[in-house]
């Protein structure tokens, strides 16, 4: 999937890697904004991109978590790696 122009590619990659390091992480949009020191608009753009990429999913209570993988986790990391 193409990264929207308002989303920083390096930041997106860093957030993906942080999520991979903490696979049980559950964050609300507000918590993610504070954790990654982003304003709410930028944070929501990142979260929306990660949802569209099927990297994250949103629970019924609004928390963001790593999505269930169809394949090995290493394949998902490679698929989202940005050089």
N, C-alpha and C. Protein backbone atom coordinates (compact mmCIF):
# COMPACT_ATOMS: atom_id res chain seq x y z
N UNK A 1 0.84 -1.17 0.00
CA UNK A 1 0.00 0.00 0.00
C UNK A 1 0.88 1.24 0.00
N UNK A 2 0.47 2.24 -0.74
CA UNK A 2 1.22 3.50 -0.80
C UNK A 2 1.03 4.26 0.52
N UNK A 3 2.09 4.87 0.96
CA UNK A 3 2.04 5.65 2.19
C UNK A 3 1.50 7.04 1.85
N UNK A 4 0.46 7.49 2.55
CA UNK A 4 -0.08 8.83 2.28
C UNK A 4 1.01 9.88 2.45
N UNK A 5 0.93 10.96 1.66
CA UNK A 5 1.99 11.98 1.70
C UNK A 5 2.14 12.67 3.05
N UNK A 6 1.10 12.65 3.88
CA UNK A 6 1.19 13.33 5.17
C UNK A 6 1.78 12.43 6.26
N UNK A 7 2.22 11.22 5.90
CA UNK A 7 2.80 10.28 6.87
C UNK A 7 4.29 10.12 6.60
N UNK A 8 5.10 10.38 7.61
CA UNK A 8 6.55 10.27 7.51
C UNK A 8 6.95 8.79 7.45
N UNK A 9 7.63 8.38 6.38
CA UNK A 9 8.02 6.98 6.18
C UNK A 9 8.93 6.46 7.28
N UNK A 10 9.90 7.26 7.69
CA UNK A 10 10.82 6.82 8.75
C UNK A 10 10.10 6.64 10.08
N UNK A 11 9.21 7.56 10.38
CA UNK A 11 8.44 7.46 11.61
C UNK A 11 7.54 6.22 11.57
N UNK A 12 6.92 5.98 10.44
CA UNK A 12 6.07 4.81 10.28
C UNK A 12 6.86 3.52 10.51
N UNK A 13 8.04 3.45 9.95
CA UNK A 13 8.90 2.28 10.13
C UNK A 13 9.31 2.12 11.60
N UNK A 14 9.67 3.21 12.24
CA UNK A 14 10.06 3.15 13.66
C UNK A 14 8.91 2.66 14.52
N UNK A 15 7.71 3.14 14.25
CA UNK A 15 6.55 2.73 15.03
C UNK A 15 6.24 1.25 14.80
N UNK A 16 6.37 0.80 13.56
CA UNK A 16 6.17 -0.63 13.29
C UNK A 16 7.16 -1.47 14.10
N UNK A 17 8.41 -1.06 14.10
CA UNK A 17 9.44 -1.82 14.81
C UNK A 17 9.19 -1.80 16.32
N UNK A 18 8.76 -0.67 16.85
CA UNK A 18 8.44 -0.59 18.28
C UNK A 18 7.29 -1.52 18.62
N UNK A 19 6.30 -1.58 17.75
CA UNK A 19 5.17 -2.49 17.99
C UNK A 19 5.63 -3.94 17.95
N UNK A 20 6.56 -4.25 17.06
CA UNK A 20 7.07 -5.61 16.97
C UNK A 20 7.86 -5.99 18.23
N UNK A 21 8.53 -5.01 18.82
CA UNK A 21 9.30 -5.26 20.03
C UNK A 21 8.41 -5.46 21.24
N UNK A 22 7.19 -4.94 21.17
CA UNK A 22 6.23 -5.05 22.27
C UNK A 22 4.92 -5.62 21.72
N UNK A 23 4.89 -6.90 21.35
CA UNK A 23 3.73 -7.47 20.66
C UNK A 23 2.43 -7.45 21.46
N UNK A 24 2.49 -7.32 22.76
CA UNK A 24 1.27 -7.27 23.57
C UNK A 24 0.80 -5.84 23.84
N UNK A 25 1.43 -4.88 23.19
CA UNK A 25 1.09 -3.48 23.39
C UNK A 25 -0.34 -3.20 22.95
N UNK A 26 -1.09 -2.53 23.79
CA UNK A 26 -2.47 -2.09 23.49
C UNK A 26 -2.52 -0.61 23.81
N UNK A 27 -2.82 0.19 22.80
CA UNK A 27 -2.84 1.63 22.98
C UNK A 27 -4.12 2.24 22.42
N UNK A 28 -4.63 3.24 23.11
CA UNK A 28 -5.67 4.06 22.52
C UNK A 28 -4.98 5.10 21.63
N UNK A 29 -5.74 5.79 20.85
CA UNK A 29 -5.17 6.85 20.01
C UNK A 29 -4.47 7.90 20.88
N UNK A 30 -5.09 8.24 21.97
CA UNK A 30 -4.52 9.25 22.87
C UNK A 30 -3.19 8.77 23.47
N UNK A 31 -3.13 7.51 23.89
CA UNK A 31 -1.91 6.95 24.45
C UNK A 31 -0.81 6.88 23.40
N UNK A 32 -1.17 6.48 22.18
CA UNK A 32 -0.19 6.41 21.10
C UNK A 32 0.37 7.79 20.80
N UNK A 33 -0.48 8.79 20.80
CA UNK A 33 -0.05 10.17 20.56
C UNK A 33 0.98 10.61 21.59
N UNK A 34 0.74 10.28 22.85
CA UNK A 34 1.69 10.64 23.91
C UNK A 34 2.97 9.82 23.81
N UNK A 35 2.85 8.52 23.57
CA UNK A 35 4.02 7.65 23.49
C UNK A 35 4.97 8.09 22.38
N UNK A 36 4.43 8.40 21.23
CA UNK A 36 5.25 8.74 20.07
C UNK A 36 5.43 10.24 19.88
N UNK A 37 4.95 11.02 20.86
CA UNK A 37 5.11 12.47 20.84
C UNK A 37 4.61 13.08 19.53
N UNK A 38 3.37 12.72 19.17
CA UNK A 38 2.75 13.20 17.94
C UNK A 38 1.48 13.96 18.28
N UNK A 39 1.16 14.97 17.46
CA UNK A 39 -0.14 15.59 17.64
C UNK A 39 -1.21 14.59 17.19
N UNK A 40 -2.43 14.81 17.62
CA UNK A 40 -3.50 13.83 17.36
C UNK A 40 -3.73 13.58 15.87
N UNK A 41 -3.62 14.62 15.05
CA UNK A 41 -3.84 14.47 13.61
C UNK A 41 -2.79 13.55 13.00
N UNK A 42 -1.52 13.79 13.31
CA UNK A 42 -0.43 12.96 12.77
C UNK A 42 -0.54 11.54 13.29
N UNK A 43 -0.86 11.38 14.57
CA UNK A 43 -0.98 10.06 15.16
C UNK A 43 -2.12 9.28 14.49
N UNK A 44 -3.25 9.92 14.28
CA UNK A 44 -4.37 9.24 13.64
C UNK A 44 -4.04 8.86 12.20
N UNK A 45 -3.26 9.68 11.50
CA UNK A 45 -2.84 9.33 10.14
C UNK A 45 -1.96 8.08 10.15
N UNK A 46 -1.05 8.01 11.11
CA UNK A 46 -0.18 6.83 11.26
C UNK A 46 -1.02 5.60 11.58
N UNK A 47 -1.90 5.72 12.56
CA UNK A 47 -2.73 4.58 12.96
C UNK A 47 -3.62 4.12 11.81
N UNK A 48 -4.21 5.06 11.08
CA UNK A 48 -5.04 4.71 9.93
C UNK A 48 -4.24 3.97 8.87
N UNK A 49 -3.02 4.42 8.63
CA UNK A 49 -2.15 3.76 7.65
C UNK A 49 -1.83 2.34 8.10
N UNK A 50 -1.51 2.16 9.37
CA UNK A 50 -1.18 0.83 9.88
C UNK A 50 -2.39 -0.10 9.88
N UNK A 51 -3.58 0.45 10.07
CA UNK A 51 -4.81 -0.35 9.96
C UNK A 51 -5.03 -0.77 8.51
N UNK A 52 -4.90 0.18 7.59
CA UNK A 52 -5.09 -0.13 6.16
C UNK A 52 -4.08 -1.15 5.66
N UNK A 53 -2.88 -1.11 6.22
CA UNK A 53 -1.84 -2.08 5.85
C UNK A 53 -2.04 -3.42 6.55
N UNK A 54 -3.06 -3.51 7.39
CA UNK A 54 -3.35 -4.72 8.17
C UNK A 54 -2.23 -5.08 9.13
N UNK A 55 -1.45 -4.08 9.50
CA UNK A 55 -0.40 -4.27 10.49
C UNK A 55 -0.99 -4.18 11.90
N UNK A 56 -1.90 -3.24 12.10
CA UNK A 56 -2.61 -3.09 13.36
C UNK A 56 -4.09 -3.37 13.13
N UNK A 57 -4.76 -3.70 14.21
CA UNK A 57 -6.21 -3.77 14.18
C UNK A 57 -6.72 -3.03 15.40
N UNK A 58 -8.01 -2.71 15.37
CA UNK A 58 -8.60 -1.98 16.48
C UNK A 58 -9.61 -2.89 17.18
N UNK A 59 -9.50 -2.96 18.49
CA UNK A 59 -10.40 -3.80 19.28
C UNK A 59 -11.74 -3.10 19.45
N UNK A 60 -12.70 -3.83 19.97
CA UNK A 60 -14.02 -3.28 20.20
C UNK A 60 -14.03 -2.09 21.15
N UNK A 61 -13.05 -2.04 22.05
CA UNK A 61 -12.99 -0.92 23.00
C UNK A 61 -12.11 0.22 22.49
N UNK A 62 -11.68 0.14 21.22
CA UNK A 62 -10.93 1.25 20.62
C UNK A 62 -9.43 1.16 20.72
N UNK A 63 -8.89 0.13 21.35
CA UNK A 63 -7.44 -0.02 21.48
C UNK A 63 -6.85 -0.52 20.17
N UNK A 64 -5.63 -0.11 19.91
CA UNK A 64 -4.89 -0.57 18.73
C UNK A 64 -3.92 -1.66 19.16
N UNK A 65 -3.92 -2.77 18.42
CA UNK A 65 -3.06 -3.92 18.71
C UNK A 65 -2.49 -4.43 17.39
N UNK A 66 -1.41 -5.22 17.48
CA UNK A 66 -0.88 -5.84 16.28
C UNK A 66 -1.92 -6.81 15.75
N UNK A 67 -2.16 -6.73 14.45
CA UNK A 67 -3.16 -7.58 13.81
C UNK A 67 -2.71 -9.03 13.78
N UNK A 68 -3.65 -9.92 13.73
CA UNK A 68 -3.33 -11.34 13.57
C UNK A 68 -2.68 -11.53 12.21
N UNK A 69 -1.62 -12.30 12.19
CA UNK A 69 -0.88 -12.51 10.94
C UNK A 69 -1.38 -13.75 10.22
N UNK A 70 -1.46 -13.65 8.90
CA UNK A 70 -1.79 -14.82 8.09
C UNK A 70 -0.56 -15.68 7.89
N UNK A 71 0.59 -15.04 7.94
CA UNK A 71 1.84 -15.76 7.71
C UNK A 71 2.81 -15.49 8.84
N UNK A 72 4.03 -15.97 8.67
CA UNK A 72 5.05 -15.76 9.70
C UNK A 72 5.29 -14.28 9.96
N UNK A 73 5.59 -13.96 11.20
CA UNK A 73 5.86 -12.59 11.59
C UNK A 73 7.01 -11.99 10.80
N UNK A 74 8.02 -12.77 10.51
CA UNK A 74 9.17 -12.25 9.76
C UNK A 74 8.75 -11.81 8.36
N UNK A 75 7.76 -12.47 7.76
CA UNK A 75 7.26 -12.05 6.45
C UNK A 75 6.58 -10.69 6.55
N UNK A 76 5.85 -10.47 7.63
CA UNK A 76 5.18 -9.19 7.82
C UNK A 76 6.18 -8.07 8.02
N UNK A 77 7.28 -8.35 8.74
CA UNK A 77 8.32 -7.33 8.93
C UNK A 77 8.95 -6.99 7.59
N UNK A 78 9.33 -8.01 6.83
CA UNK A 78 9.94 -7.77 5.52
C UNK A 78 9.01 -7.01 4.59
N UNK A 79 7.74 -7.33 4.62
CA UNK A 79 6.78 -6.67 3.73
C UNK A 79 6.65 -5.19 4.02
N UNK A 80 6.93 -4.78 5.27
CA UNK A 80 6.79 -3.39 5.65
C UNK A 80 8.10 -2.66 5.84
N UNK A 81 9.22 -3.31 5.50
CA UNK A 81 10.52 -2.69 5.69
C UNK A 81 10.72 -1.58 4.67
N UNK A 82 11.21 -0.45 5.13
CA UNK A 82 11.49 0.69 4.27
C UNK A 82 12.99 0.93 4.29
N UNK A 83 13.61 0.93 3.13
CA UNK A 83 15.06 1.17 3.06
C UNK A 83 15.37 2.64 3.11
